[in-house]
């Protein structure tokens, strides 16, 4: 895919997690920076969010953070980014992250990450965008979610993971960090206009 310039990473803000998840965040950030891509993320300096941002910057990449005022007030914003946008609400934050990104990666995280993951997958299924979505199943972290998605498909509550009318995956699952960027680059060019600004 020739149009990938910015990669949005959704991930946890907790630092009280296993080293394997921290290492995955560091490796992904390093790979994004080394590839000359821009990281777009939630603007925090803590947890996997901060690790990913710091690694991208250290590898020479640009990092755009988007953070709501009420979270910035907790003094968790990253002040060393290429760009930091402070916005009024979570809704604006999420819309801006989508507007500024060409692909999405879902690293391990908590309910906030899960919220972002379901929203971006839903928007793609509704054909509001056609940007690649990668679920990084690091150390099997997302396996319960993957099992649930498969169950929803098997019971008829969710379509099979293909964009309607096209042979393309709604999302792609990888188990290794080194497979994330290659999986993004293998995706077909978008066939759906980006209508996120209308939401």
Protein backbone atom coordinates (compact mmCIF):
# COMPACT_ATOMS: atom_id res chain seq x y z
CA UNK A 1 0.00 0.00 0.00
CA UNK A 2 1.54 3.27 -1.10
CA UNK A 3 -0.53 5.68 1.01
CA UNK A 4 0.65 4.79 4.52
CA UNK A 5 2.31 7.77 6.17
CA UNK A 6 0.83 7.76 9.68
CA UNK A 7 0.05 4.83 11.96
CA UNK A 8 -2.35 5.18 14.88
CA UNK A 9 -1.57 2.96 17.87
CA UNK A 10 -4.21 2.20 20.49
CA UNK A 11 -2.70 0.78 23.68
CA UNK A 12 -2.83 0.84 27.46
CA UNK A 13 -1.74 3.65 29.76
CA UNK A 14 -0.95 1.33 32.67
CA UNK A 15 2.66 0.70 33.58
CA UNK A 16 1.78 -2.15 35.92
CA UNK A 17 1.90 -4.79 33.19
CA UNK A 18 4.20 -7.59 32.11
CA UNK A 19 7.49 -6.74 30.45
CA UNK A 20 6.48 -8.63 27.31
CA UNK A 21 3.84 -5.97 26.58
CA UNK A 22 6.25 -3.12 27.31
CA UNK A 23 8.80 -4.67 24.99
CA UNK A 24 6.18 -5.00 22.25
CA UNK A 25 5.34 -1.30 22.56
CA UNK A 26 9.02 -0.37 22.39
CA UNK A 27 9.64 -2.58 19.37
CA UNK A 28 6.63 -1.21 17.50
CA UNK A 29 7.58 2.38 18.21
CA UNK A 30 11.13 1.72 17.04
CA UNK A 31 9.90 0.11 13.83
CA UNK A 32 7.52 3.00 13.11
CA UNK A 33 10.32 5.52 13.55
CA UNK A 34 12.83 3.53 11.52
CA UNK A 35 10.30 3.16 8.70
CA UNK A 36 9.93 6.94 8.47
CA UNK A 37 6.29 6.79 9.53
CA UNK A 38 4.45 9.13 11.87
CA UNK A 39 2.93 7.79 15.08
CA UNK A 40 -0.52 9.08 16.05
CA UNK A 41 -1.67 8.20 19.56
CA UNK A 42 -3.49 9.43 22.64
CA UNK A 43 -0.81 11.83 23.86
CA UNK A 44 0.07 10.19 27.18
CA UNK A 45 3.52 9.73 28.66
CA UNK A 46 2.68 6.71 30.83
CA UNK A 47 2.29 2.99 30.21
CA UNK A 48 2.53 1.47 26.76
CA UNK A 49 1.46 4.81 25.31
CA UNK A 50 4.55 6.59 26.60
CA UNK A 51 6.84 3.70 25.69
CA UNK A 52 5.60 3.64 22.09
CA UNK A 53 5.96 7.40 21.72
CA UNK A 54 9.45 7.52 23.24
CA UNK A 55 10.67 4.65 21.07
CA UNK A 56 9.33 6.27 17.90
CA UNK A 57 11.04 9.57 18.75
CA UNK A 58 14.30 7.82 19.63
CA UNK A 59 14.24 6.09 16.23
CA UNK A 60 13.89 9.42 14.44
CA UNK A 61 10.15 9.36 13.83
CA UNK A 62 7.52 12.03 14.32
CA UNK A 63 4.84 11.63 16.99
CA UNK A 64 1.46 13.34 17.10
CA UNK A 65 -0.40 13.15 20.40
CA UNK A 66 -4.06 14.06 20.87
CA UNK A 67 -5.28 14.35 24.44
CA UNK A 68 -8.47 15.67 26.07
CA UNK A 69 -8.19 18.54 28.56
CA UNK A 70 -9.53 16.46 31.45
CA UNK A 71 -6.76 13.90 30.99
CA UNK A 72 -4.07 16.54 30.47
CA UNK A 73 -5.16 18.06 33.78
CA UNK A 74 -3.96 14.88 35.48
CA UNK A 75 -0.44 15.75 34.20
CA UNK A 76 -0.07 12.61 32.13
CA UNK A 77 0.50 14.35 28.79
CA UNK A 78 3.78 13.85 26.93
CA UNK A 79 5.51 17.21 26.52
CA UNK A 80 8.28 16.07 24.16
CA UNK A 81 6.23 15.22 21.09
CA UNK A 82 6.46 16.58 17.56
CA UNK A 83 2.86 17.79 17.99
CA UNK A 84 0.54 17.73 20.98
CA UNK A 85 -3.10 18.67 20.46
CA UNK A 86 -5.25 19.35 23.53
CA UNK A 87 -8.95 18.94 22.70
CA UNK A 88 -12.27 19.39 24.46
CA UNK A 89 -13.54 15.83 24.57
CA UNK A 90 -12.87 12.14 23.99
CA UNK A 91 -15.12 12.28 20.92
CA UNK A 92 -12.99 14.98 19.30
CA UNK A 93 -9.83 13.15 20.27
CA UNK A 94 -10.92 9.92 18.63
CA UNK A 95 -12.14 11.64 15.47
CA UNK A 96 -8.86 13.55 15.11
CA UNK A 97 -6.84 10.38 15.58
CA UNK A 98 -8.77 8.74 12.75
CA UNK A 99 -8.47 11.77 10.47
CA UNK A 100 -4.70 11.93 10.91
CA UNK A 101 -4.03 8.20 10.49
CA UNK A 102 -3.66 5.87 7.53
CA UNK A 103 -3.72 2.62 9.52
CA UNK A 104 -4.51 1.40 13.04
CA UNK A 105 -2.73 -0.98 15.40
CA UNK A 106 -4.35 -2.36 18.53
CA UNK A 107 -1.76 -3.30 21.14
CA UNK A 108 -2.66 -4.74 24.56
CA UNK A 109 -4.65 -2.37 26.75
CA UNK A 110 -7.64 -1.92 28.99
CA UNK A 111 -11.22 -0.79 28.49
CA UNK A 112 -10.18 2.45 26.82
CA UNK A 113 -8.20 0.53 24.23
CA UNK A 114 -11.11 -1.87 23.81
CA UNK A 115 -13.48 1.06 23.25
CA UNK A 116 -11.21 2.49 20.55
CA UNK A 117 -10.76 -0.92 18.94
CA UNK A 118 -14.47 -1.66 18.65
CA UNK A 119 -15.23 1.83 17.38
CA UNK A 120 -12.62 1.77 14.60
CA UNK A 121 -13.63 -1.76 13.54
CA UNK A 122 -17.31 -0.78 13.55
CA UNK A 123 -16.64 2.33 11.48
CA UNK A 124 -14.82 0.21 8.93
CA UNK A 125 -17.65 -2.31 8.75
CA UNK A 126 -20.04 0.61 8.17
CA UNK A 127 -17.73 1.76 5.35
CA UNK A 128 -16.97 5.09 7.00
CA UNK A 129 -13.31 4.38 6.29
CA UNK A 130 -11.26 1.66 4.61
CA UNK A 131 -7.97 1.88 6.46
CA UNK A 132 -6.08 -1.21 7.66
CA UNK A 133 -6.70 -2.41 11.22
CA UNK A 134 -4.19 -4.74 12.86
CA UNK A 135 -4.94 -6.56 16.11
CA UNK A 136 -1.56 -7.34 17.71
CA UNK A 137 -2.23 -10.50 19.71
CA UNK A 138 0.99 -10.16 21.72
CA UNK A 139 1.58 -13.22 23.90
CA UNK A 140 -2.05 -14.21 23.29
CA UNK A 141 -3.39 -11.09 25.04
CA UNK A 142 -6.33 -10.57 22.68
CA UNK A 143 -7.24 -14.25 22.31
CA UNK A 144 -10.38 -13.95 24.49
CA UNK A 145 -11.53 -11.04 22.30
CA UNK A 146 -10.76 -12.98 19.12
CA UNK A 147 -12.75 -15.93 20.48
CA UNK A 148 -15.66 -13.58 21.21
CA UNK A 149 -15.53 -12.09 17.70
CA UNK A 150 -15.54 -15.60 16.23
CA UNK A 151 -18.49 -16.50 18.47
CA UNK A 152 -20.44 -13.43 17.35
CA UNK A 153 -19.80 -14.39 13.72
CA UNK A 154 -20.78 -18.04 14.29
CA UNK A 155 -24.05 -17.04 15.96
CA UNK A 156 -24.98 -14.53 13.26
CA UNK A 157 -24.57 -11.33 15.27
CA UNK A 158 -21.57 -10.16 13.26
CA UNK A 159 -20.62 -10.45 9.62
CA UNK A 160 -17.59 -12.44 8.65
CA UNK A 161 -14.58 -10.09 8.81
CA UNK A 162 -14.77 -8.85 5.22
CA UNK A 163 -15.82 -5.43 3.97
CA UNK A 164 -19.21 -5.90 2.21
CA UNK A 165 -18.76 -6.33 -1.52
CA UNK A 166 -14.99 -6.70 -1.36
CA UNK A 167 -12.47 -9.44 -0.67
CA UNK A 168 -10.59 -7.60 2.03
CA UNK A 169 -10.25 -8.30 5.74
CA UNK A 170 -12.17 -6.14 8.18
CA UNK A 171 -9.22 -6.56 10.52
CA UNK A 172 -6.01 -8.57 10.48
CA UNK A 173 -4.61 -10.49 13.45
CA UNK A 174 -0.87 -10.91 13.95
CA UNK A 175 0.97 -12.56 16.83
CA UNK A 176 4.38 -10.93 16.43
CA UNK A 177 5.33 -7.26 16.48
CA UNK A 178 7.63 -7.70 13.48
CA UNK A 179 4.61 -8.73 11.40
CA UNK A 180 2.58 -5.56 12.08
CA UNK A 181 4.04 -3.13 9.54
CA UNK A 182 4.34 -5.77 6.78
CA UNK A 183 0.67 -6.67 7.37
CA UNK A 184 -0.28 -3.00 6.99
CA UNK A 185 1.73 -2.60 3.80
CA UNK A 186 0.14 -5.68 2.22
CA UNK A 187 -3.36 -4.20 2.49
CA UNK A 188 -5.07 -3.03 -0.74
CA UNK A 189 -5.42 0.68 -1.39
CA UNK A 190 -8.61 2.12 0.15
CA UNK A 191 -11.79 1.67 -1.85
CA UNK A 192 -14.01 3.67 0.50
CA UNK A 193 -13.80 7.43 0.99
CA UNK A 194 -12.93 8.63 4.47
CA UNK A 195 -16.14 10.13 5.86
CA UNK A 196 -15.07 10.36 9.49
CA UNK A 197 -15.37 14.16 9.57
CA UNK A 198 -19.14 13.78 9.19
CA UNK A 199 -19.51 11.90 12.45
